[in-house]
C-alpha atoms as a PDB file:
ATOM      1  CA  MET A   1       0.192   0.046  -0.204  1.00  0.00           C
ATOM      2  CA  ARG A   2       1.236   3.530  -0.965  1.00  0.00           C
ATOM      3  CA  PRO A   3       1.505   5.733   2.201  1.00  0.00           C
ATOM      4  CA  GLY A   4      -0.216   9.156   1.624  1.00  0.00           C
ATOM      5  CA  ALA A   5      -3.340  10.817   1.991  1.00  0.00           C
ATOM      6  CA  ARG A   6      -5.913  10.964  -1.168  1.00  0.00           C
ATOM      7  CA  LEU A   7      -8.957  12.811  -2.376  1.00  0.00           C
ATOM      8  CA  GLY A   8     -12.047  10.928  -3.554  1.00  0.00           C
ATOM      9  CA  ILE A   9     -13.732  13.075  -6.135  1.00  0.00           C
ATOM     10  CA  ASP A  10     -17.469  12.309  -7.093  1.00  0.00           C
ATOM     11  CA  VAL A  11     -18.166  14.496  -9.926  1.00  0.00           C
ATOM     12  CA  GLY A  12     -22.078  15.602 -10.414  1.00  0.00           C
ATOM     13  CA  ARG A  13     -23.847  18.097 -12.723  1.00  0.00           C
ATOM     14  CA  ALA A  14     -24.471  20.642  -9.889  1.00  0.00           C
ATOM     15  CA  ARG A  15     -21.604  19.530  -7.358  1.00  0.00           C
ATOM     16  CA  ILE A  16     -18.603  17.868  -6.597  1.00  0.00           C
ATOM     17  CA  GLY A  17     -18.498  15.605  -3.621  1.00  0.00           C
ATOM     18  CA  VAL A  18     -15.174  15.329  -2.030  1.00  0.00           C
ATOM     19  CA  ALA A  19     -13.733  12.761   0.475  1.00  0.00           C
ATOM     20  CA  ARG A  20     -10.101  12.545   1.917  1.00  0.00           C
ATOM     21  CA  CYS A  21      -8.353   9.748   3.672  1.00  0.00           C
ATOM     22  CA  ASP A  22      -5.609   9.617   6.474  1.00  0.00           C
ATOM     23  CA  PRO A  23      -2.075   9.125   5.339  1.00  0.00           C
ATOM     24  CA  SER A  24      -2.398   5.515   6.132  1.00  0.00           C
ATOM     25  CA  ALA A  25      -4.784   5.268   3.474  1.00  0.00           C
ATOM     26  CA  ILE A  26      -6.916   3.277   6.063  1.00  0.00           C
ATOM     27  CA  LEU A  27     -10.654   5.320   6.046  1.00  0.00           C
ATOM     28  CA  ALA A  28     -12.155   7.607   4.033  1.00  0.00           C
ATOM     29  CA  VAL A  29     -14.149  10.777   5.661  1.00  0.00           C
ATOM     30  CA  PRO A  30     -16.073  13.623   3.955  1.00  0.00           C
ATOM     31  CA  VAL A  31     -14.679  16.852   3.475  1.00  0.00           C
ATOM     32  CA  GLU A  32     -16.870  19.188   1.278  1.00  0.00           C
ATOM     33  CA  THR A  33     -19.153  19.537  -1.460  1.00  0.00           C
ATOM     34  CA  VAL A  34     -17.997  22.187  -4.268  1.00  0.00           C
ATOM     35  CA  PRO A  35     -20.019  23.737  -6.478  1.00  0.00           C
ATOM     36  CA  ARG A  36     -19.559  23.221 -10.272  1.00  0.00           C
ATOM     37  CA  SER A  37     -18.287  25.985 -11.992  1.00  0.00           C
ATOM     38  CA  PRO A  38     -19.887  27.077 -15.238  1.00  0.00           C
ATOM     39  CA  GLU A  39     -18.385  26.226 -18.560  1.00  0.00           C
ATOM     40  CA  GLY A  40     -15.123  27.711 -19.037  1.00  0.00           C
ATOM     41  CA  GLU A  41     -14.583  28.555 -15.438  1.00  0.00           C
ATOM     42  CA  ASP A  42     -12.462  26.409 -12.970  1.00  0.00           C
ATOM     43  CA  ALA A  43     -13.575  27.795  -9.453  1.00  0.00           C
ATOM     44  CA  ASP A  44     -14.392  24.399  -8.853  1.00  0.00           C
ATOM     45  CA  VAL A  45     -10.826  22.651  -9.913  1.00  0.00           C
ATOM     46  CA  ARG A  46      -9.169  25.281  -8.171  1.00  0.00           C
ATOM     47  CA  ARG A  47     -10.941  24.668  -4.882  1.00  0.00           C
ATOM     48  CA  ILE A  48     -10.059  20.776  -5.361  1.00  0.00           C
ATOM     49  CA  LEU A  49      -6.514  21.573  -5.532  1.00  0.00           C
ATOM     50  CA  GLU A  50      -6.946  23.788  -2.721  1.00  0.00           C
ATOM     51  CA  LEU A  51      -8.252  20.838  -0.306  1.00  0.00           C
ATOM     52  CA  ALA A  52      -5.514  18.404  -1.928  1.00  0.00           C
ATOM     53  CA  GLY A  53      -2.977  20.937  -0.809  1.00  0.00           C
ATOM     54  CA  GLU A  54      -4.623  21.281   2.649  1.00  0.00           C
ATOM     55  CA  HIS A  55      -4.833  17.316   3.082  1.00  0.00           C
ATOM     56  CA  ALA A  56      -1.298  16.923   1.431  1.00  0.00           C
ATOM     57  CA  ALA A  57      -3.240  14.453  -1.064  1.00  0.00           C
ATOM     58  CA  ILE A  58      -0.430  12.215  -3.078  1.00  0.00           C
ATOM     59  CA  GLU A  59      -3.403  11.728  -5.516  1.00  0.00           C
ATOM     60  CA  LEU A  60      -6.983  12.536  -6.697  1.00  0.00           C
ATOM     61  CA  VAL A  61      -9.414   9.725  -7.251  1.00  0.00           C
ATOM     62  CA  VAL A  62     -11.938  10.416  -9.245  1.00  0.00           C
ATOM     63  CA  GLY A  63     -15.310   8.416  -9.705  1.00  0.00           C
ATOM     64  CA  HIS A  64     -15.673   6.815 -13.107  1.00  0.00           C
ATOM     65  CA  PRO A  65     -19.434   6.633 -13.796  1.00  0.00           C
ATOM     66  CA  LEU A  66     -20.564   3.601 -16.082  1.00  0.00           C
ATOM     67  CA  SER A  67     -23.382   1.879 -16.561  1.00  0.00           C
ATOM     68  CA  LEU A  68     -23.898  -1.554 -14.907  1.00  0.00           C
ATOM     69  CA  SER A  69     -22.986  -3.430 -18.393  1.00  0.00           C
ATOM     70  CA  GLY A  70     -19.407  -1.324 -18.299  1.00  0.00           C
ATOM     71  CA  GLN A  71     -20.561   1.191 -20.841  1.00  0.00           C
ATOM     72  CA  PRO A  72     -20.157   4.716 -20.847  1.00  0.00           C
ATOM     73  CA  THR A  73     -23.308   6.686 -19.460  1.00  0.00           C
ATOM     74  CA  ALA A  74     -24.105  10.292 -20.003  1.00  0.00           C
ATOM     75  CA  SER A  75     -22.060  11.542 -17.111  1.00  0.00           C
ATOM     76  CA  THR A  76     -18.945   9.681 -17.976  1.00  0.00           C
ATOM     77  CA  ALA A  77     -17.486  12.320 -20.428  1.00  0.00           C
ATOM     78  CA  ASP A  78     -18.136  14.863 -17.778  1.00  0.00           C
ATOM     79  CA  ALA A  79     -16.175  13.038 -15.090  1.00  0.00           C
ATOM     80  CA  VAL A  80     -13.250  12.351 -17.238  1.00  0.00           C
ATOM     81  CA  ASP A  81     -13.047  15.880 -18.735  1.00  0.00           C
ATOM     82  CA  VAL A  82     -12.964  17.254 -14.530  1.00  0.00           C
ATOM     83  CA  ALA A  83     -10.467  14.491 -14.141  1.00  0.00           C
ATOM     84  CA  ALA A  84      -8.545  15.964 -16.985  1.00  0.00           C
ATOM     85  CA  ARG A  85      -8.831  19.728 -15.941  1.00  0.00           C
ATOM     86  CA  LEU A  86      -7.440  18.141 -12.384  1.00  0.00           C
ATOM     87  CA  ALA A  87      -4.752  16.160 -13.896  1.00  0.00           C
ATOM     88  CA  ALA A  88      -3.794  19.400 -16.219  1.00  0.00           C
ATOM     89  CA  ARG A  89      -2.852  21.248 -12.841  1.00  0.00           C
ATOM     90  CA  GLY A  90       0.078  18.646 -12.104  1.00  0.00           C
ATOM     91  CA  LEU A  91      -1.269  16.327  -9.430  1.00  0.00           C
ATOM     92  CA  PRO A  92      -1.648  12.474 -10.309  1.00  0.00           C
ATOM     93  CA  VAL A  93      -5.517  11.559 -10.728  1.00  0.00           C
ATOM     94  CA  ARG A  94      -6.947   8.280 -11.312  1.00  0.00           C
ATOM     95  CA  LEU A  95     -10.007   6.981 -12.514  1.00  0.00           C
ATOM     96  CA  VAL A  96     -11.821   4.419 -10.794  1.00  0.00           C
ATOM     97  CA  ASP A  97     -15.017   2.525 -11.244  1.00  0.00           C
ATOM     98  CA  GLU A  98     -18.174   4.088  -9.284  1.00  0.00           C
ATOM     99  CA  ARG A  99     -20.875   1.894 -10.277  1.00  0.00           C
ATOM    100  CA  MET A 100     -23.706   2.271  -7.713  1.00  0.00           C
ATOM    101  CA  SER A 101     -21.767   4.698  -5.745  1.00  0.00           C
ATOM    102  CA  THR A 102     -24.336   7.354  -5.383  1.00  0.00           C
ATOM    103  CA  VAL A 103     -27.323   4.870  -4.944  1.00  0.00           C
ATOM    104  CA  SER A 104     -25.018   3.107  -1.943  1.00  0.00           C
ATOM    105  CA  ALA A 105     -24.480   6.353  -0.488  1.00  0.00           C
ATOM    106  CA  GLN A 106     -28.445   7.318  -0.770  1.00  0.00           C
ATOM    107  CA  GLN A 107     -29.135   4.048   1.233  1.00  0.00           C
ATOM    108  CA  ALA A 108     -26.620   4.672   3.761  1.00  0.00           C
ATOM    109  CA  LEU A 109     -28.136   8.203   4.268  1.00  0.00           C
ATOM    110  CA  ARG A 110     -31.734   6.752   4.357  1.00  0.00           C
ATOM    111  CA  ALA A 111     -31.076   4.013   6.871  1.00  0.00           C
ATOM    112  CA  ALA A 112     -29.310   6.862   8.711  1.00  0.00           C
ATOM    113  CA  GLY A 113     -32.715   8.435   9.032  1.00  0.00           C
ATOM    114  CA  LYS A 114     -31.859  11.536   6.848  1.00  0.00           C
ATOM    115  CA  SER A 115     -34.637  12.657   4.527  1.00  0.00           C
ATOM    116  CA  SER A 116     -34.116  13.334   0.533  1.00  0.00           C
ATOM    117  CA  ARG A 117     -34.361  16.538   1.245  1.00  0.00           C
ATOM    118  CA  LYS A 118     -31.581  16.950   3.889  1.00  0.00           C
ATOM    119  CA  GLN A 119     -29.416  14.201   1.819  1.00  0.00           C
ATOM    120  CA  ARG A 120     -29.032  16.904  -1.100  1.00  0.00           C
ATOM    121  CA  PRO A 121     -26.075  18.680   0.197  1.00  0.00           C
ATOM    122  CA  ILE A 122     -24.217  15.891   1.318  1.00  0.00           C
ATOM    123  CA  ILE A 123     -24.949  12.890  -1.044  1.00  0.00           C
ATOM    124  CA  ASP A 124     -22.023  14.200  -3.297  1.00  0.00           C
ATOM    125  CA  GLN A 125     -19.494  13.860  -0.122  1.00  0.00           C
ATOM    126  CA  ALA A 126     -21.128  10.253   0.876  1.00  0.00           C
ATOM    127  CA  ALA A 127     -20.416   9.193  -2.455  1.00  0.00           C
ATOM    128  CA  ALA A 128     -16.988  10.372  -2.617  1.00  0.00           C
ATOM    129  CA  VAL A 129     -16.352   8.954   0.560  1.00  0.00           C
ATOM    130  CA  ILE A 130     -17.640   5.054  -1.088  1.00  0.00           C
ATOM    131  CA  ILE A 131     -15.503   5.772  -4.105  1.00  0.00           C
ATOM    132  CA  LEU A 132     -12.288   6.586  -2.150  1.00  0.00           C
ATOM    133  CA  GLN A 133     -12.741   3.586   0.521  1.00  0.00           C
ATOM    134  CA  HIS A 134     -13.537   1.327  -2.390  1.00  0.00           C
ATOM    135  CA  ALA A 135     -10.212   2.388  -4.057  1.00  0.00           C
ATOM    136  CA  ILE A 136      -8.101   2.365  -0.904  1.00  0.00           C
ATOM    137  CA  ASP A 137      -9.529  -1.217   0.007  1.00  0.00           C
ATOM    138  CA  ALA A 138      -8.750  -2.429  -3.375  1.00  0.00           C
ATOM    139  CA  GLU A 139      -5.390  -1.080  -3.277  1.00  0.00           C
ATOM    140  CA  ARG A 140      -4.711  -2.954  -0.076  1.00  0.00           C
ATOM    141  CA  ALA A 141      -6.214  -6.080  -1.353  1.00  0.00           C
ATOM    142  CA  SER A 142      -4.141  -6.199  -4.536  1.00  0.00           C
ATOM    143  CA  GLY A 143      -1.144  -4.172  -3.957  1.00  0.00           C
ATOM    144  CA  SER A 144      -1.508  -2.249  -6.806  1.00  0.00           C
ATOM    145  CA  ALA A 145      -2.899   1.212  -7.736  1.00  0.00           C
ATOM    146  CA  PRO A 146      -6.849   0.883  -8.407  1.00  0.00           C
ATOM    147  CA  GLY A 147      -8.525   2.160 -11.998  1.00  0.00           C
ATOM    148  CA  ARG A 148      -6.211   3.799 -14.369  1.00  0.00           C
ATOM    149  CA  THR A 149      -4.196   6.941 -14.563  1.00  0.00           C
ATOM    150  CA  ILE A 150      -5.661   9.748 -16.403  1.00  0.00           C
ATOM    151  CA  LEU A 151      -3.849  11.851 -18.841  1.00  0.00           C
ATOM    152  CA  PRO A 152      -3.976  15.982 -18.959  1.00  0.00           C
ATOM    153  CA  ASP A 153      -5.441  15.903 -22.303  1.00  0.00           C
ATOM    154  CA  GLU A 154      -7.910  13.013 -22.103  1.00  0.00           C
ATOM    155  CA  GLY A 155     -11.051  14.514 -21.758  1.00  0.00           C
ATOM    156  CA  LEU A 156     -10.517  17.585 -23.847  1.00  0.00           C
END
């Protein structure tokens, strides 16, 4: 297992959920929900990079939305584009399969007694926690980094 904190990123149309893990890469916890910037602006990317600096992240783990059959979805290109914009700023970025992360996060929040209305501000963070926890658990089990590295110009 590579030592070092990581940020988990769940890209949504309106918001980006951010989670982090400890430097030993044992436990993922929610950090923040970042509003998406309008097309052509990078305030969302800048904020994620600020968070990466605050938490001394060695890499960003971005959820790669695929259908249950493994095919791209309407959100796939959007997530890859955000990942590429982050990678263009110099931090290592990995895309990892995020199938069912938002559904799992919604179920967990519902089980914890959160109403749908109260879930909205934190659902993206909860999904980011699930994405990151899955990635660090997979790396610990396999001994190799999960997903694939994203190149800075991949989504552009």
